[in-house]
Each structure stands twice: as structure tokens, then as C-alpha cells.
Amino acid sequence: MEDSKPVSIVVMGVQGIGKSTIGILLAERLGVPFVDGDGLHSRKNIDLMASGQALSDSDREPWLEEVGATLAEYAEHSGVVVACSALRHIYRDRLRALSPSTFFVEPHGPIELVSARITKRDHDFMPANLLQSQYDTLETLTDDESGIRVSITATPQEMVDVIVLEYLSRKQEAS
């Protein structure tokens, strides 16, 4: 990456939307590490989700702190791309409080398409029956947030191309 400031990107959204796939490709393109936010959940949260229970805000708080600390730590050195649901504006605010330069990527698409994707994969602890609750909770990026929405009808590589162009353009404008 040509810019001297390390990359701090969160690929957000509901399960099955492609956060990890896009995040891995984006991290490879930008030459930074990728961290899957699922790996930062506590055992308690994993057990709750595995039993089909949606997490409450209080359940999410320590996890958001861990994700934010990870963003901040990597932002000091190499930069990072993190996959993290960050479904609500207040969750993203929490992440930005810990890592202010974080750029959010929101892949989006119809629940029917995402549901079909979920049935074709195996996830360690995220049952398909939580998808509707995630769509119900999702607050899309707003104009006051640094980020971009990309349609999942494009290929992952096409999405990464759009994301990188937009990210670099915004960084250049900010300079």
C-alpha cells in the first residue's frame, strides 16, 4: 500500500454475507493481515449463539472492546482488515472510539440470497435461524460513517476492486 498510514478496515454485516471471503481478499490486495472477529468472541458468546440465541448488547460489549483493541493495535503498525458483524451504528461507534480511522465495508444483498448461501456452508457456531434476527438488527452505514456499501451480486473480486478504489480515493481526498 502506497499510503504511509496503516489500513484499518472492518468488513461488516450479517452471517453469510461474505465478510470473511471479502476480508481475506481485501487484506491480500492491501498487503495487511486479516483477522476474523468470530475468533475474538468469548466462550460464553459462542455457546449462546450455538444454542440459537442472539447476543444482547451487553453480551457484545466485551467482544466489541476486543475487536476495537485489535484494530487499534494493528493500526499502530501494519494495518489490518477485520471481519466483524458490527450490525448497529452504536457498535461501529464503539469500534471508531478505539480506532478512529476505521473504514467500514458493508456487503449487502437480499435475505433470500444470503439464506441460500448459508445452507451451503458449515459454520462452527452460527446457526441459520439467527439470520432473520441479524437482518432485523442491521443498521446500514449512514452518511456520517466512513465506509462503502457493495452489492453481493458482484463477484468477491469485483467487490474488492470497487472497495479498494473507493478506499484509496477517500484517503487521497483526506490528505
N, C-alpha and C. Protein backbone atom coordinates (compact mmCIF):
# COMPACT_ATOMS: atom_id res chain seq x y z
N MET A 1 0.85 -1.17 0.00
CA MET A 1 0.00 0.00 0.00
C MET A 1 0.89 1.23 0.00
N GLU A 2 0.58 2.19 -0.87
CA GLU A 2 1.45 3.35 -1.01
C GLU A 2 1.31 4.33 0.14
N ASP A 3 0.11 4.47 0.70
CA ASP A 3 -0.14 5.41 1.78
C ASP A 3 0.64 5.01 3.02
N SER A 4 1.19 6.00 3.72
CA SER A 4 2.01 5.69 4.89
C SER A 4 1.17 5.33 6.11
N LYS A 5 -0.09 5.73 6.15
CA LYS A 5 -0.94 5.41 7.30
C LYS A 5 -1.48 3.99 7.16
N PRO A 6 -1.33 3.19 8.20
CA PRO A 6 -1.80 1.80 8.11
C PRO A 6 -3.31 1.70 7.87
N VAL A 7 -3.69 0.70 7.16
CA VAL A 7 -5.07 0.40 6.82
C VAL A 7 -5.81 -0.11 8.05
N SER A 8 -7.02 0.37 8.26
CA SER A 8 -7.88 -0.13 9.33
C SER A 8 -9.28 -0.27 8.74
N ILE A 9 -9.63 -1.50 8.35
CA ILE A 9 -10.90 -1.75 7.66
C ILE A 9 -11.67 -2.84 8.38
N VAL A 10 -12.98 -2.62 8.53
CA VAL A 10 -13.89 -3.65 9.04
C VAL A 10 -14.86 -4.01 7.93
N VAL A 11 -14.92 -5.30 7.61
CA VAL A 11 -15.94 -5.80 6.69
C VAL A 11 -17.07 -6.29 7.59
N MET A 12 -18.22 -5.65 7.48
CA MET A 12 -19.32 -5.85 8.41
C MET A 12 -20.52 -6.51 7.75
N GLY A 13 -21.49 -6.91 8.57
CA GLY A 13 -22.75 -7.40 8.04
C GLY A 13 -23.21 -8.69 8.68
N VAL A 14 -24.31 -9.20 8.16
CA VAL A 14 -24.93 -10.41 8.68
C VAL A 14 -24.11 -11.64 8.31
N GLN A 15 -24.41 -12.75 8.98
CA GLN A 15 -23.74 -14.01 8.66
C GLN A 15 -24.02 -14.38 7.21
N GLY A 16 -23.05 -15.00 6.55
CA GLY A 16 -23.23 -15.49 5.20
C GLY A 16 -23.16 -14.43 4.12
N ILE A 17 -22.93 -13.17 4.49
CA ILE A 17 -22.89 -12.08 3.51
C ILE A 17 -21.55 -12.04 2.77
N GLY A 18 -20.53 -12.73 3.30
CA GLY A 18 -19.23 -12.78 2.64
C GLY A 18 -18.14 -11.99 3.33
N LYS A 19 -18.32 -11.69 4.61
CA LYS A 19 -17.33 -10.88 5.34
C LYS A 19 -15.93 -11.48 5.28
N SER A 20 -15.83 -12.77 5.58
CA SER A 20 -14.50 -13.40 5.61
C SER A 20 -13.91 -13.51 4.21
N THR A 21 -14.71 -13.92 3.25
CA THR A 21 -14.21 -14.05 1.87
C THR A 21 -13.69 -12.72 1.36
N ILE A 22 -14.50 -11.69 1.51
CA ILE A 22 -14.11 -10.35 1.05
C ILE A 22 -12.93 -9.84 1.88
N GLY A 23 -12.99 -10.04 3.18
CA GLY A 23 -11.92 -9.57 4.07
C GLY A 23 -10.57 -10.18 3.73
N ILE A 24 -10.55 -11.48 3.48
CA ILE A 24 -9.30 -12.16 3.13
C ILE A 24 -8.75 -11.61 1.81
N LEU A 25 -9.60 -11.49 0.80
CA LEU A 25 -9.16 -10.96 -0.49
C LEU A 25 -8.68 -9.51 -0.37
N LEU A 26 -9.40 -8.72 0.41
CA LEU A 26 -9.04 -7.32 0.59
C LEU A 26 -7.70 -7.20 1.32
N ALA A 27 -7.52 -7.99 2.37
CA ALA A 27 -6.25 -7.97 3.11
C ALA A 27 -5.09 -8.38 2.20
N GLU A 28 -5.30 -9.41 1.39
CA GLU A 28 -4.24 -9.83 0.45
C GLU A 28 -3.92 -8.71 -0.51
N ARG A 29 -4.93 -8.06 -1.06
CA ARG A 29 -4.72 -6.97 -2.02
C ARG A 29 -3.97 -5.81 -1.40
N LEU A 30 -4.30 -5.50 -0.14
CA LEU A 30 -3.67 -4.36 0.53
C LEU A 30 -2.37 -4.72 1.25
N GLY A 31 -2.07 -6.01 1.31
CA GLY A 31 -0.82 -6.45 1.94
C GLY A 31 -0.81 -6.30 3.45
N VAL A 32 -1.97 -6.54 4.07
CA VAL A 32 -2.08 -6.45 5.53
C VAL A 32 -2.68 -7.74 6.07
N PRO A 33 -2.55 -7.98 7.38
CA PRO A 33 -3.15 -9.18 7.97
C PRO A 33 -4.69 -9.13 7.94
N PHE A 34 -5.29 -10.31 8.01
CA PHE A 34 -6.73 -10.46 8.15
C PHE A 34 -7.02 -11.09 9.50
N VAL A 35 -8.02 -10.55 10.21
CA VAL A 35 -8.46 -11.11 11.48
C VAL A 35 -9.96 -11.37 11.39
N ASP A 36 -10.36 -12.59 11.69
CA ASP A 36 -11.78 -12.92 11.73
C ASP A 36 -12.30 -12.61 13.12
N GLY A 37 -13.20 -11.65 13.22
CA GLY A 37 -13.75 -11.24 14.51
C GLY A 37 -14.44 -12.36 15.26
N ASP A 38 -14.92 -13.39 14.54
CA ASP A 38 -15.53 -14.53 15.24
C ASP A 38 -14.56 -15.17 16.22
N GLY A 39 -13.29 -15.14 15.87
CA GLY A 39 -12.26 -15.73 16.73
C GLY A 39 -12.00 -14.93 18.00
N LEU A 40 -12.59 -13.75 18.09
CA LEU A 40 -12.40 -12.89 19.27
C LEU A 40 -13.56 -12.99 20.26
N HIS A 41 -14.57 -13.77 19.93
CA HIS A 41 -15.71 -13.96 20.83
C HIS A 41 -15.31 -14.77 22.05
N SER A 42 -15.96 -14.50 23.16
CA SER A 42 -15.77 -15.28 24.38
C SER A 42 -16.45 -16.64 24.21
N ARG A 43 -16.05 -17.59 25.03
CA ARG A 43 -16.71 -18.91 25.04
C ARG A 43 -18.19 -18.75 25.33
N LYS A 44 -18.54 -17.84 26.26
CA LYS A 44 -19.95 -17.60 26.61
C LYS A 44 -20.75 -17.18 25.38
N ASN A 45 -20.23 -16.22 24.61
CA ASN A 45 -20.93 -15.75 23.41
C ASN A 45 -21.07 -16.87 22.38
N ILE A 46 -20.01 -17.63 22.19
CA ILE A 46 -20.06 -18.73 21.23
C ILE A 46 -21.13 -19.73 21.65
N ASP A 47 -21.17 -20.05 22.93
CA ASP A 47 -22.18 -21.00 23.42
C ASP A 47 -23.60 -20.46 23.23
N LEU A 48 -23.79 -19.16 23.49
CA LEU A 48 -25.11 -18.56 23.29
C LEU A 48 -25.55 -18.66 21.83
N MET A 49 -24.66 -18.25 20.92
CA MET A 49 -25.01 -18.29 19.50
C MET A 49 -25.23 -19.73 19.03
N ALA A 50 -24.38 -20.64 19.47
CA ALA A 50 -24.50 -22.04 19.06
C ALA A 50 -25.84 -22.62 19.50
N SER A 51 -26.39 -22.11 20.59
CA SER A 51 -27.68 -22.59 21.08
C SER A 51 -28.85 -21.89 20.39
N GLY A 52 -28.53 -20.98 19.44
CA GLY A 52 -29.58 -20.30 18.68
C GLY A 52 -30.05 -18.99 19.29
N GLN A 53 -29.33 -18.50 20.30
CA GLN A 53 -29.71 -17.25 20.95
C GLN A 53 -28.93 -16.08 20.36
N ALA A 54 -29.64 -15.02 20.01
CA ALA A 54 -28.98 -13.80 19.55
C ALA A 54 -28.31 -13.13 20.74
N LEU A 55 -27.18 -12.49 20.51
CA LEU A 55 -26.46 -11.80 21.58
C LEU A 55 -27.13 -10.48 21.91
N SER A 56 -27.12 -10.14 23.18
CA SER A 56 -27.60 -8.83 23.62
C SER A 56 -26.46 -7.82 23.48
N ASP A 57 -26.80 -6.55 23.65
CA ASP A 57 -25.76 -5.52 23.61
C ASP A 57 -24.73 -5.75 24.71
N SER A 58 -25.17 -6.17 25.89
CA SER A 58 -24.21 -6.40 26.98
C SER A 58 -23.33 -7.61 26.69
N ASP A 59 -23.86 -8.61 25.98
CA ASP A 59 -23.04 -9.75 25.55
C ASP A 59 -21.97 -9.29 24.56
N ARG A 60 -22.35 -8.37 23.70
CA ARG A 60 -21.45 -7.92 22.63
C ARG A 60 -20.36 -6.97 23.12
N GLU A 61 -20.62 -6.24 24.19
CA GLU A 61 -19.70 -5.18 24.62
C GLU A 61 -18.25 -5.65 24.80
N PRO A 62 -17.97 -6.73 25.54
CA PRO A 62 -16.57 -7.15 25.68
C PRO A 62 -15.96 -7.57 24.33
N TRP A 63 -16.78 -8.15 23.48
CA TRP A 63 -16.31 -8.56 22.15
C TRP A 63 -15.96 -7.33 21.31
N LEU A 64 -16.83 -6.32 21.33
CA LEU A 64 -16.54 -5.09 20.59
C LEU A 64 -15.27 -4.43 21.11
N GLU A 65 -15.07 -4.48 22.43
CA GLU A 65 -13.83 -3.94 23.01
C GLU A 65 -12.61 -4.69 22.45
N GLU A 66 -12.72 -6.01 22.35
CA GLU A 66 -11.63 -6.83 21.83
C GLU A 66 -11.37 -6.52 20.35
N VAL A 67 -12.45 -6.40 19.57
CA VAL A 67 -12.29 -6.08 18.15
C VAL A 67 -11.67 -4.69 18.00
N GLY A 68 -12.16 -3.73 18.77
CA GLY A 68 -11.62 -2.37 18.71
C GLY A 68 -10.15 -2.31 19.13
N ALA A 69 -9.80 -3.05 20.16
CA ALA A 69 -8.40 -3.11 20.60
C ALA A 69 -7.52 -3.73 19.52
N THR A 70 -8.05 -4.73 18.84
CA THR A 70 -7.30 -5.36 17.74
C THR A 70 -7.08 -4.37 16.61
N LEU A 71 -8.14 -3.64 16.23
CA LEU A 71 -8.00 -2.61 15.19
C LEU A 71 -6.95 -1.57 15.59
N ALA A 72 -7.04 -1.11 16.83
CA ALA A 72 -6.10 -0.08 17.30
C ALA A 72 -4.67 -0.59 17.32
N GLU A 73 -4.49 -1.82 17.78
CA GLU A 73 -3.14 -2.39 17.84
C GLU A 73 -2.52 -2.50 16.45
N TYR A 74 -3.25 -3.04 15.51
CA TYR A 74 -2.73 -3.18 14.16
C TYR A 74 -2.56 -1.83 13.47
N ALA A 75 -3.43 -0.87 13.79
CA ALA A 75 -3.34 0.46 13.18
C ALA A 75 -2.05 1.16 13.57
N GLU A 76 -1.46 0.74 14.67
CA GLU A 76 -0.19 1.31 15.11
C GLU A 76 0.97 0.84 14.25
N HIS A 77 0.80 -0.30 13.57
CA HIS A 77 1.93 -0.91 12.88
C HIS A 77 1.60 -1.22 11.41
N SER A 78 1.06 -2.38 11.18
CA SER A 78 0.92 -2.86 9.81
C SER A 78 -0.41 -2.52 9.16
N GLY A 79 -1.43 -2.27 9.95
CA GLY A 79 -2.78 -2.16 9.43
C GLY A 79 -3.44 -3.53 9.45
N VAL A 80 -4.75 -3.58 9.20
CA VAL A 80 -5.48 -4.83 9.30
C VAL A 80 -6.83 -4.72 8.60
N VAL A 81 -7.34 -5.85 8.18
CA VAL A 81 -8.73 -5.98 7.75
C VAL A 81 -9.37 -6.97 8.71
N VAL A 82 -10.51 -6.57 9.32
CA VAL A 82 -11.20 -7.41 10.29
C VAL A 82 -12.62 -7.70 9.80
N ALA A 83 -13.02 -8.95 9.86
CA ALA A 83 -14.42 -9.32 9.61
C ALA A 83 -15.14 -9.26 10.95
N CYS A 84 -16.19 -8.45 11.02
CA CYS A 84 -16.92 -8.24 12.28
C CYS A 84 -18.33 -7.80 11.93
N SER A 85 -19.32 -8.43 12.50
CA SER A 85 -20.70 -8.11 12.12
C SER A 85 -21.02 -6.62 12.26
N ALA A 86 -20.68 -5.99 13.37
CA ALA A 86 -20.88 -4.54 13.57
C ALA A 86 -22.22 -4.08 13.01
N LEU A 87 -23.29 -4.78 13.40
CA LEU A 87 -24.59 -4.58 12.78
C LEU A 87 -25.24 -3.23 13.08
N ARG A 88 -24.97 -2.68 14.23
CA ARG A 88 -25.62 -1.43 14.62
C ARG A 88 -24.63 -0.27 14.61
N HIS A 89 -25.17 0.93 14.38
CA HIS A 89 -24.37 2.15 14.36
C HIS A 89 -23.60 2.30 15.67
N ILE A 90 -24.24 2.01 16.79
CA ILE A 90 -23.55 2.18 18.08
C ILE A 90 -22.39 1.21 18.24
N TYR A 91 -22.46 0.05 17.60
CA TYR A 91 -21.33 -0.89 17.65
C TYR A 91 -20.17 -0.31 16.84
N ARG A 92 -20.48 0.26 15.70
CA ARG A 92 -19.42 0.86 14.88
C ARG A 92 -18.84 2.09 15.57
N ASP A 93 -19.70 2.86 16.26
CA ASP A 93 -19.20 3.99 17.05
C ASP A 93 -18.19 3.51 18.09
N ARG A 94 -18.49 2.38 18.74
CA ARG A 94 -17.58 1.82 19.75
C ARG A 94 -16.24 1.47 19.12
N LEU A 95 -16.28 0.86 17.94
CA LEU A 95 -15.04 0.49 17.24
C LEU A 95 -14.27 1.75 16.83
N ARG A 96 -14.98 2.76 16.34
CA ARG A 96 -14.32 4.02 15.95
C ARG A 96 -13.73 4.73 17.16
N ALA A 97 -14.36 4.60 18.33
CA ALA A 97 -13.81 5.23 19.54
C ALA A 97 -12.44 4.65 19.87
N LEU A 98 -12.26 3.39 19.57
CA LEU A 98 -10.98 2.73 19.85
C LEU A 98 -10.00 2.82 18.68
N SER A 99 -10.52 2.97 17.47
CA SER A 99 -9.68 3.08 16.27
C SER A 99 -10.36 4.06 15.30
N PRO A 100 -10.14 5.36 15.50
CA PRO A 100 -10.89 6.40 14.80
C PRO A 100 -10.82 6.38 13.27
N SER A 101 -9.76 5.88 12.71
CA SER A 101 -9.63 5.93 11.25
C SER A 101 -10.25 4.71 10.55
N THR A 102 -10.99 3.88 11.29
CA THR A 102 -11.56 2.67 10.71
C THR A 102 -12.54 3.00 9.58
N PHE A 103 -12.37 2.27 8.48
CA PHE A 103 -13.23 2.37 7.29
C PHE A 103 -14.08 1.10 7.27
N PHE A 104 -15.38 1.26 7.06
CA PHE A 104 -16.29 0.12 7.08
C PHE A 104 -16.72 -0.26 5.67
N VAL A 105 -16.77 -1.56 5.43
CA VAL A 105 -17.24 -2.11 4.17
C VAL A 105 -18.49 -2.93 4.50
N GLU A 106 -19.60 -2.59 3.86
CA GLU A 106 -20.86 -3.29 4.12
C GLU A 106 -21.34 -4.01 2.86
N PRO A 107 -21.01 -5.29 2.73
CA PRO A 107 -21.62 -6.07 1.65
C PRO A 107 -23.12 -6.20 1.95
N HIS A 108 -23.95 -6.05 0.94
CA HIS A 108 -25.39 -6.15 1.20
C HIS A 108 -26.07 -6.91 0.07
N GLY A 109 -27.17 -7.53 0.44
CA GLY A 109 -27.95 -8.28 -0.53
C GLY A 109 -29.21 -8.82 0.11
N PRO A 110 -30.11 -9.37 -0.69
CA PRO A 110 -31.38 -9.85 -0.17
C PRO A 110 -31.22 -11.07 0.73
N ILE A 111 -32.07 -11.15 1.74
CA ILE A 111 -32.01 -12.24 2.71
C ILE A 111 -32.14 -13.60 2.03
N GLU A 112 -32.90 -13.68 0.95
CA GLU A 112 -33.09 -14.96 0.26
C GLU A 112 -31.77 -15.47 -0.31
N LEU A 113 -30.98 -14.59 -0.88
CA LEU A 113 -29.68 -14.98 -1.43
C LEU A 113 -28.73 -15.41 -0.32
N VAL A 114 -28.70 -14.65 0.76
CA VAL A 114 -27.81 -14.97 1.87
C VAL A 114 -28.25 -16.28 2.53
N SER A 115 -29.54 -16.46 2.69
CA SER A 115 -30.05 -17.70 3.27
C SER A 115 -29.64 -18.91 2.43
N ALA A 116 -29.72 -18.79 1.12
CA ALA A 116 -29.30 -19.88 0.23
C ALA A 116 -27.81 -20.17 0.40
N ARG A 117 -27.00 -19.13 0.59
CA ARG A 117 -25.56 -19.32 0.81
C ARG A 117 -25.30 -20.06 2.11
N ILE A 118 -26.04 -19.69 3.15
CA ILE A 118 -25.83 -20.29 4.46
C ILE A 118 -26.11 -21.79 4.44
N THR A 119 -27.10 -22.19 3.69
CA THR A 119 -27.44 -23.62 3.65
C THR A 119 -26.35 -24.45 2.99
N LYS A 120 -25.45 -23.79 2.27
CA LYS A 120 -24.36 -24.49 1.57
C LYS A 120 -23.04 -24.47 2.34
N ARG A 121 -23.06 -23.95 3.56
CA ARG A 121 -21.81 -23.86 4.33
C ARG A 121 -22.01 -24.41 5.72
N ASP A 122 -20.89 -24.64 6.38
CA ASP A 122 -20.92 -25.11 7.75
C ASP A 122 -20.18 -24.09 8.61
N HIS A 123 -20.87 -23.54 9.59
CA HIS A 123 -20.27 -22.56 10.48
C HIS A 123 -20.18 -23.17 11.87
N ASP A 124 -19.08 -22.91 12.54
CA ASP A 124 -18.82 -23.52 13.84
C ASP A 124 -19.91 -23.26 14.87
N PHE A 125 -20.46 -22.04 14.92
CA PHE A 125 -21.39 -21.74 16.00
C PHE A 125 -22.54 -20.81 15.60
N MET A 126 -22.69 -20.49 14.35
CA MET A 126 -23.71 -19.52 13.95
C MET A 126 -24.81 -20.23 13.17
N PRO A 127 -25.89 -20.63 13.86
CA PRO A 127 -26.97 -21.33 13.17
C PRO A 127 -27.74 -20.41 12.22
N ALA A 128 -28.27 -21.00 11.16
CA ALA A 128 -29.01 -20.25 10.14
C ALA A 128 -30.24 -19.55 10.71
N ASN A 129 -30.79 -20.06 11.80
CA ASN A 129 -32.00 -19.45 12.34
C ASN A 129 -31.76 -18.07 12.95
N LEU A 130 -30.51 -17.65 13.07
CA LEU A 130 -30.21 -16.31 13.58
C LEU A 130 -30.15 -15.26 12.46
N LEU A 131 -30.25 -15.70 11.20
CA LEU A 131 -30.13 -14.75 10.09
C LEU A 131 -31.20 -13.67 10.14
N GLN A 132 -32.44 -14.04 10.34
CA GLN A 132 -33.51 -13.04 10.37
C GLN A 132 -33.28 -12.02 11.49
N SER A 133 -32.85 -12.49 12.66
CA SER A 133 -32.61 -11.54 13.76
C SER A 133 -31.46 -10.60 13.41
N GLN A 134 -30.50 -11.08 12.64
CA GLN A 134 -29.40 -10.20 12.24
C GLN A 134 -29.89 -9.15 11.24
N TYR A 135 -30.72 -9.55 10.28
CA TYR A 135 -31.30 -8.56 9.36
C TYR A 135 -32.15 -7.55 10.11
N ASP A 136 -32.89 -8.03 11.13
CA ASP A 136 -33.73 -7.13 11.92
C ASP A 136 -32.87 -6.13 12.70
N THR A 137 -31.70 -6.53 13.13
CA THR A 137 -30.79 -5.68 13.91
C THR A 137 -29.97 -4.75 13.03
N LEU A 138 -29.67 -5.17 11.79
CA LEU A 138 -28.77 -4.44 10.92
C LEU A 138 -29.21 -2.99 10.69
N GLU A 139 -28.29 -2.08 10.94
CA GLU A 139 -28.45 -0.67 10.61
C GLU A 139 -27.37 -0.37 9.56
N THR A 140 -27.80 -0.09 8.34
CA THR A 140 -26.83 0.11 7.27
C THR A 140 -25.98 1.36 7.54
N LEU A 141 -24.85 1.41 6.87
CA LEU A 141 -23.96 2.56 7.01
C LEU A 141 -24.72 3.84 6.69
N THR A 142 -24.41 4.88 7.43
CA THR A 142 -25.04 6.18 7.21
C THR A 142 -24.01 7.15 6.63
N ASP A 143 -24.50 8.29 6.17
CA ASP A 143 -23.62 9.27 5.53
C ASP A 143 -22.53 9.80 6.46
N ASP A 144 -22.75 9.73 7.77
CA ASP A 144 -21.75 10.24 8.71
C ASP A 144 -20.66 9.21 9.04
N GLU A 145 -20.74 8.03 8.40
CA GLU A 145 -19.76 6.97 8.66
C GLU A 145 -18.83 6.81 7.46
N SER A 146 -17.56 6.62 7.77
CA SER A 146 -16.57 6.38 6.72
C SER A 146 -16.70 4.94 6.26
N GLY A 147 -17.15 4.77 5.02
CA GLY A 147 -17.32 3.42 4.52
C GLY A 147 -18.00 3.36 3.18
N ILE A 148 -18.27 2.13 2.76
CA ILE A 148 -18.88 1.88 1.45
C ILE A 148 -19.78 0.65 1.55
N ARG A 149 -20.89 0.69 0.83
CA ARG A 149 -21.78 -0.47 0.68
C ARG A 149 -21.51 -1.06 -0.69
N VAL A 150 -21.41 -2.38 -0.75
CA VAL A 150 -21.19 -3.07 -2.03
C VAL A 150 -22.17 -4.23 -2.15
N SER A 151 -22.69 -4.41 -3.34
CA SER A 151 -23.67 -5.47 -3.58
C SER A 151 -23.00 -6.83 -3.69
N ILE A 152 -23.61 -7.83 -3.06
CA ILE A 152 -23.07 -9.18 -3.12
C ILE A 152 -23.46 -9.89 -4.42
N THR A 153 -24.14 -9.18 -5.31
CA THR A 153 -24.43 -9.79 -6.61
C THR A 153 -23.19 -9.76 -7.51
N ALA A 154 -22.22 -8.93 -7.16
CA ALA A 154 -20.93 -8.92 -7.87
C ALA A 154 -20.07 -10.07 -7.32
N THR A 155 -19.04 -10.42 -8.06
CA THR A 155 -18.12 -11.45 -7.56
C THR A 155 -17.29 -10.86 -6.42
N PRO A 156 -16.75 -11.69 -5.55
CA PRO A 156 -15.90 -11.16 -4.48
C PRO A 156 -14.75 -10.31 -5.03
N GLN A 157 -14.13 -10.74 -6.11
CA GLN A 157 -13.03 -9.97 -6.69
C GLN A 157 -13.50 -8.61 -7.21
N GLU A 158 -14.68 -8.58 -7.84
CA GLU A 158 -15.22 -7.30 -8.31
C GLU A 158 -15.53 -6.38 -7.13
N MET A 159 -16.05 -6.95 -6.04
CA MET A 159 -16.32 -6.14 -4.85
C MET A 159 -15.02 -5.56 -4.30
N VAL A 160 -13.98 -6.37 -4.22
CA VAL A 160 -12.70 -5.89 -3.70
C VAL A 160 -12.15 -4.78 -4.59
N ASP A 161 -12.28 -4.91 -5.91
CA ASP A 161 -11.84 -3.85 -6.82
C ASP A 161 -12.53 -2.52 -6.50
N VAL A 162 -13.84 -2.56 -6.31
CA VAL A 162 -14.62 -1.36 -6.00
C VAL A 162 -14.21 -0.80 -4.64
N ILE A 163 -14.06 -1.67 -3.67
CA ILE A 163 -13.69 -1.25 -2.31
C ILE A 163 -12.34 -0.55 -2.31
N VAL A 164 -11.36 -1.15 -2.95
CA VAL A 164 -10.01 -0.58 -2.96
C VAL A 164 -10.01 0.79 -3.65
N LEU A 165 -10.69 0.90 -4.78
CA LEU A 165 -10.76 2.19 -5.48
C LEU A 165 -11.39 3.26 -4.59
N GLU A 166 -12.50 2.93 -3.95
CA GLU A 166 -13.19 3.89 -3.09
C GLU A 166 -12.34 4.24 -1.87
N TYR A 167 -11.75 3.24 -1.25
CA TYR A 167 -10.93 3.47 -0.06
C TYR A 167 -9.75 4.39 -0.39
N LEU A 168 -9.04 4.07 -1.47
CA LEU A 168 -7.88 4.89 -1.85
C LEU A 168 -8.31 6.30 -2.24
N SER A 169 -9.44 6.42 -2.92
CA SER A 169 -9.95 7.74 -3.31
C SER A 169 -10.26 8.59 -2.08
N ARG A 170 -10.91 7.99 -1.10
CA ARG A 170 -11.25 8.74 0.12
C ARG A 170 -10.01 9.09 0.92
N LYS A 171 -9.03 8.20 0.95
CA LYS A 171 -7.79 8.50 1.66
C LYS A 171 -7.06 9.66 0.99
N GLN A 172 -7.09 9.66 -0.35
CA GLN A 172 -6.43 10.74 -1.09
C GLN A 172 -7.15 12.08 -0.84
N GLU A 173 -8.48 12.06 -0.84
CA GLU A 173 -9.25 13.27 -0.56
C GLU A 173 -8.95 13.81 0.83
N ALA A 174 -8.75 12.91 1.80
CA ALA A 174 -8.49 13.32 3.18
C ALA A 174 -7.08 13.90 3.36
N SER A 175 -6.20 13.60 2.43
CA SER A 175 -4.80 14.05 2.56
C SER A 175 -4.65 15.53 2.24
